[in-house]
Amino acid sequence: MPAARESLLDSALAALTDRDWSGVRMVDVAAAAGVSRQTLYNEFGSKDGLARALVRREADRYLRGVERALARPAAERERMVAVAEW
């Protein structure tokens, strides 16, 4: 994934620590990532596009963590506990 895209997604996620999604402004996300607002719109198309990409990235990260927990060389119960803790 290109660095600008990752930076934009990171900035959008960071913005959510202070406010809900309706309070996240595209101009603020772009500024935090160090790119123009036009670059943000070129990459995601809209705020909804940014939201979809962010949810997809975070879900993929979560599922990779689940896969790692399940792949551990441990008893099934221990792997299930690891998944629950993850």
Protein backbone atom coordinates (compact mmCIF):
# COMPACT_ATOMS: atom_id res chain seq x y z
CA MET A 1 0.00 0.00 0.00
CA PRO A 2 1.48 3.37 -0.93
CA ALA A 3 2.91 5.45 1.91
CA ALA A 4 0.49 8.36 1.37
CA ARG A 5 -2.51 6.02 1.59
CA GLU A 6 -1.24 4.45 4.82
CA SER A 7 -0.50 7.89 6.26
CA LEU A 8 -4.03 9.05 5.42
CA LEU A 9 -5.56 5.96 7.03
CA ASP A 10 -3.37 6.41 10.10
CA SER A 11 -4.45 10.06 10.33
CA ALA A 12 -8.12 9.13 10.02
CA LEU A 13 -7.75 6.51 12.77
CA ALA A 14 -5.94 8.99 15.01
CA ALA A 15 -8.72 11.54 14.47
CA LEU A 16 -11.19 9.00 15.84
CA THR A 17 -9.45 9.03 19.22
CA ASP A 18 -10.73 12.57 19.80
CA ARG A 19 -14.12 12.58 18.08
CA ASP A 20 -16.72 10.43 16.40
CA TRP A 21 -16.74 9.93 12.63
CA SER A 22 -19.18 12.78 11.98
CA GLY A 23 -16.65 15.15 13.57
CA VAL A 24 -13.72 13.98 11.46
CA ARG A 25 -12.98 16.51 8.73
CA MET A 26 -11.28 15.57 5.51
CA VAL A 27 -9.17 18.73 5.57
CA ASP A 28 -7.85 17.77 9.02
CA VAL A 29 -7.05 14.21 7.94
CA ALA A 30 -5.17 15.50 4.89
CA ALA A 31 -3.24 18.06 6.95
CA ALA A 32 -2.28 15.48 9.57
CA ALA A 33 -0.99 13.20 6.81
CA GLY A 34 0.93 16.03 5.19
CA VAL A 35 -0.92 15.88 1.87
CA SER A 36 -3.44 18.07 0.11
CA ARG A 37 -7.15 17.53 0.49
CA GLN A 38 -7.24 16.83 -3.25
CA THR A 39 -4.78 13.96 -2.74
CA LEU A 40 -7.11 12.54 -0.09
CA TYR A 41 -10.10 12.75 -2.43
CA ASN A 42 -8.07 11.30 -5.31
CA GLU A 43 -7.16 8.32 -3.15
CA PHE A 44 -10.55 7.58 -1.55
CA GLY A 45 -13.14 9.53 -3.56
CA SER A 46 -15.15 10.65 -0.56
CA LYS A 47 -15.37 10.51 3.20
CA ASP A 48 -17.40 7.30 2.84
CA GLY A 49 -14.61 5.85 0.70
CA LEU A 50 -12.09 6.76 3.39
CA ALA A 51 -14.30 5.10 6.02
CA ARG A 52 -14.63 1.90 3.98
CA ALA A 53 -10.87 1.73 3.43
CA LEU A 54 -10.17 2.34 7.12
CA VAL A 55 -12.64 -0.34 8.26
CA ARG A 56 -11.23 -2.78 5.69
CA ARG A 57 -7.65 -2.16 6.81
CA GLU A 58 -8.46 -2.51 10.52
CA ALA A 59 -10.55 -5.65 9.92
CA ASP A 60 -7.68 -7.16 7.92
CA ARG A 61 -5.26 -6.36 10.76
CA TYR A 62 -7.62 -7.97 13.26
CA LEU A 63 -8.04 -11.10 11.15
CA ARG A 64 -4.28 -11.44 10.68
CA GLY A 65 -3.98 -11.37 14.48
CA VAL A 66 -6.61 -14.10 14.76
CA GLU A 67 -4.75 -16.18 12.18
CA ARG A 68 -1.49 -15.77 14.11
CA ALA A 69 -3.20 -16.83 17.35
CA LEU A 70 -4.71 -19.90 15.69
CA ALA A 71 -1.39 -20.87 14.09
CA ARG A 72 0.44 -20.99 17.42
CA PRO A 73 1.89 -24.37 18.32
CA ALA A 74 -0.36 -24.87 21.33
CA ALA A 75 -3.34 -26.87 22.46
CA GLU A 76 -6.65 -25.90 20.86
CA ARG A 77 -7.94 -24.41 24.11
CA GLU A 78 -4.86 -22.22 24.44
CA ARG A 79 -5.23 -21.03 20.85
CA MET A 80 -8.87 -20.13 21.49
CA VAL A 81 -7.86 -18.19 24.59
CA ALA A 82 -5.22 -16.38 22.51
CA VAL A 83 -7.89 -15.45 19.93
CA ALA A 84 -10.21 -14.16 22.65
CA GLU A 85 -7.41 -12.12 24.20
CA TRP A 86 -6.45 -10.72 20.80
